[in-house]
Amino acid sequence: MSGIADARIRREVARRLAERFPTLRPPEVARSLEGVGFIGRIELRDAEAPQVLRQLYEAGAPPAAIVLIPRDVVDRRAGKDEDALAGSFARFARQGGRFVPTWNWAAFVFGPLWYLRKGLYAKGLLILAVTANPFWSVSTWVLVSLPALVYCGAVGNWDYYLLRVKRTQWW
């Protein structure tokens, strides 16, 4: 879910989630809904999903704020990389959605290819264009590519967070 600005709606959505799923605590969910949003793993049967969505919409949550993803889709895409990013995402969320330095070895090693693989096409193509100039000498290529790869390693998690949570690809 994305952040919900109205405090009354946040409390009502949190209350309804806690009614349905007793392990959730309404005050914590309401606090997370005022920031960049709330991500939770909730077990639902196919027949339950429409009912839960209706309840949240009735509480005032905007339809675009809620996304249900089937578990088999999440399980197929999950891996070590996603687990590592979850820790980075939590650090960004604790800082109110602001940048916090992190390091991503895969982004450093693969640079623009990592960006393209993650769906960050604009930055991936821009970094690829900067680092793959065939007319540069080897020394010039190293002087340009090394800082670009360091950028990818240092800011890759943040860029991916911006795409996944804030739905933007730009700085």
Protein backbone atom coordinates (compact mmCIF):
# COMPACT_ATOMS: atom_id res chain seq x y z
CA MET A 1 0.00 0.00 0.00
CA SER A 2 1.20 3.50 -0.64
CA GLY A 3 1.05 6.15 2.07
CA ILE A 4 -2.37 7.49 3.07
CA ALA A 5 -2.48 11.18 3.98
CA ASP A 6 -5.74 11.26 5.97
CA ALA A 7 -5.19 10.16 9.62
CA ARG A 8 -8.81 8.98 10.04
CA ILE A 9 -8.56 6.74 6.97
CA ARG A 10 -5.16 5.40 8.12
CA ARG A 11 -6.61 4.41 11.51
CA GLU A 12 -9.67 2.80 9.91
CA VAL A 13 -7.60 0.82 7.37
CA ALA A 14 -5.26 -0.32 10.15
CA ARG A 15 -8.22 -1.33 12.35
CA ARG A 16 -9.81 -3.36 9.54
CA LEU A 17 -6.52 -5.09 8.74
CA ALA A 18 -6.06 -5.95 12.42
CA GLU A 19 -9.62 -7.30 12.63
CA ARG A 20 -8.97 -9.62 9.74
CA PHE A 21 -5.39 -10.50 10.67
CA PRO A 22 -4.87 -10.60 14.47
CA THR A 23 -1.06 -10.60 14.24
CA LEU A 24 -1.09 -7.00 12.93
CA ARG A 25 -1.07 -4.16 15.47
CA PRO A 26 -3.21 -1.18 14.40
CA PRO A 27 -0.95 1.59 15.82
CA GLU A 28 2.13 0.22 14.03
CA VAL A 29 0.25 -0.28 10.75
CA ALA A 30 -1.29 3.22 10.97
CA ARG A 31 2.18 4.76 11.54
CA SER A 32 3.61 2.90 8.56
CA LEU A 33 0.70 4.02 6.38
CA GLU A 34 1.49 7.69 6.98
CA GLY A 35 4.97 7.33 5.48
CA VAL A 36 5.98 5.64 2.27
CA GLY A 37 3.54 2.82 2.86
CA PHE A 38 2.97 -0.61 4.25
CA ILE A 39 4.14 -3.91 2.86
CA GLY A 40 2.83 -7.01 4.51
CA ARG A 41 2.65 -10.70 3.75
CA ILE A 42 -0.88 -11.81 4.42
CA GLU A 43 -2.11 -15.30 3.63
CA LEU A 44 -5.39 -15.14 1.69
CA ARG A 45 -7.37 -17.74 -0.17
CA ASP A 46 -8.54 -16.75 -3.63
CA ALA A 47 -12.10 -16.29 -2.35
CA GLU A 48 -10.97 -13.97 0.48
CA ALA A 49 -9.04 -11.43 -1.59
CA PRO A 50 -12.06 -9.58 -3.06
CA GLN A 51 -13.66 -9.34 0.39
CA VAL A 52 -10.50 -7.88 1.95
CA LEU A 53 -10.17 -5.36 -0.87
CA ARG A 54 -13.82 -4.31 -0.47
CA GLN A 55 -13.31 -3.78 3.26
CA LEU A 56 -10.22 -1.64 2.70
CA TYR A 57 -11.95 0.42 0.00
CA GLU A 58 -14.94 0.94 2.31
CA ALA A 59 -12.50 2.17 4.98
CA GLY A 60 -11.37 4.86 2.56
CA ALA A 61 -8.15 3.43 1.15
CA PRO A 62 -7.72 4.57 -2.47
CA PRO A 63 -7.89 1.63 -4.92
CA ALA A 64 -4.53 2.56 -6.46
CA ALA A 65 -2.88 2.30 -3.03
CA ILE A 66 -3.45 -1.44 -2.63
CA VAL A 67 -1.70 -4.19 -4.56
CA LEU A 68 -2.22 -7.89 -3.95
CA ILE A 69 0.38 -10.16 -5.45
CA PRO A 70 -0.16 -13.94 -5.54
CA ARG A 71 2.34 -15.81 -3.42
CA ASP A 72 3.53 -18.06 -6.26
CA VAL A 73 4.54 -14.96 -8.25
CA VAL A 74 6.42 -13.56 -5.26
CA ASP A 75 8.08 -16.92 -4.54
CA ARG A 76 9.28 -17.25 -8.15
CA ARG A 77 10.84 -13.79 -8.12
CA ALA A 78 12.25 -13.97 -4.59
CA GLY A 79 15.84 -14.85 -3.90
CA LYS A 80 18.91 -13.71 -2.01
CA ASP A 81 18.96 -10.43 -3.91
CA GLU A 82 15.38 -9.63 -2.87
CA ASP A 83 16.14 -10.50 0.77
CA ALA A 84 19.15 -8.18 0.76
CA LEU A 85 17.08 -5.41 -0.80
CA ALA A 86 14.37 -5.83 1.83
CA GLY A 87 16.92 -4.80 4.48
CA SER A 88 17.91 -1.76 2.43
CA PHE A 89 14.27 -0.86 1.82
CA ALA A 90 13.65 -0.99 5.58
CA ARG A 91 16.59 1.38 6.16
CA PHE A 92 15.15 3.86 3.65
CA ALA A 93 11.68 3.57 5.22
CA ARG A 94 13.12 4.22 8.72
CA GLN A 95 14.60 7.44 7.34
CA GLY A 96 11.22 8.57 6.04
CA GLY A 97 11.96 7.48 2.46
CA ARG A 98 15.19 9.47 2.21
CA PHE A 99 18.51 8.24 0.82
CA VAL A 100 20.78 6.24 3.12
CA PRO A 101 24.11 4.93 1.78
CA THR A 102 24.05 1.18 1.10
CA TRP A 103 26.21 -1.09 -1.03
CA ASN A 104 25.09 -3.55 -3.70
CA TRP A 105 27.83 -5.78 -5.10
CA ALA A 106 25.70 -7.05 -7.98
CA ALA A 107 24.97 -3.49 -9.12
CA PHE A 108 28.68 -2.62 -8.82
CA VAL A 109 29.87 -5.63 -10.82
CA PHE A 110 27.20 -5.59 -13.51
CA GLY A 111 26.48 -1.83 -13.56
CA PRO A 112 24.06 -0.86 -16.31
CA LEU A 113 23.06 -4.49 -16.92
CA TRP A 114 21.86 -4.75 -13.29
CA TYR A 115 19.82 -1.57 -13.78
CA LEU A 116 18.25 -2.90 -16.97
CA ARG A 117 17.46 -6.26 -15.33
CA LYS A 118 15.67 -4.51 -12.44
CA GLY A 119 13.52 -2.43 -14.79
CA LEU A 120 15.43 0.83 -14.31
CA TYR A 121 15.65 1.35 -18.05
CA ALA A 122 16.29 5.10 -18.18
CA LYS A 123 19.27 5.04 -15.80
CA GLY A 124 20.52 1.72 -17.16
CA LEU A 125 20.63 3.01 -20.72
CA LEU A 126 22.20 6.29 -19.60
CA ILE A 127 24.95 4.51 -17.66
CA LEU A 128 25.46 2.07 -20.54
CA ALA A 129 25.83 4.98 -22.99
CA VAL A 130 28.39 6.65 -20.74
CA THR A 131 30.43 3.51 -20.07
CA ALA A 132 30.30 1.86 -23.51
CA ASN A 133 31.82 4.49 -25.77
CA PRO A 134 33.92 2.59 -28.35
CA PHE A 135 35.96 5.68 -29.32
CA TRP A 136 37.63 6.17 -25.93
CA SER A 137 41.08 4.92 -25.08
CA VAL A 138 41.36 2.26 -22.36
CA SER A 139 42.57 4.80 -19.78
CA THR A 140 39.68 7.16 -20.53
CA TRP A 141 37.23 4.25 -20.40
CA VAL A 142 38.55 3.23 -16.95
CA LEU A 143 38.41 6.84 -15.68
CA VAL A 144 34.76 7.13 -16.75
CA SER A 145 33.53 3.58 -16.06
CA LEU A 146 34.96 3.12 -12.58
CA PRO A 147 33.07 6.08 -11.04
CA ALA A 148 29.92 4.98 -12.90
CA LEU A 149 30.21 1.45 -11.45
CA VAL A 150 30.87 2.85 -7.96
CA TYR A 151 27.72 4.95 -8.40
CA CYS A 152 25.80 1.80 -9.34
CA GLY A 153 27.07 -0.05 -6.27
CA ALA A 154 26.45 2.81 -3.85
CA VAL A 155 23.10 4.04 -5.19
CA GLY A 156 21.63 0.94 -6.87
CA ASN A 157 19.50 -0.08 -3.87
CA TRP A 158 18.18 3.47 -3.55
CA ASP A 159 17.31 3.66 -7.25
CA TYR A 160 15.51 0.33 -7.05
CA TYR A 161 13.67 1.53 -3.92
CA LEU A 162 12.55 4.64 -5.80
CA LEU A 163 11.17 2.46 -8.58
CA ARG A 164 9.44 -0.12 -6.40
CA VAL A 165 8.11 2.10 -3.61
CA LYS A 166 7.89 5.64 -4.98
CA ARG A 167 7.25 4.63 -8.60
CA THR A 168 9.87 6.87 -10.17
CA GLN A 169 13.14 6.21 -12.02
CA TRP A 170 14.77 9.61 -11.71
CA TRP A 171 17.09 11.20 -9.20
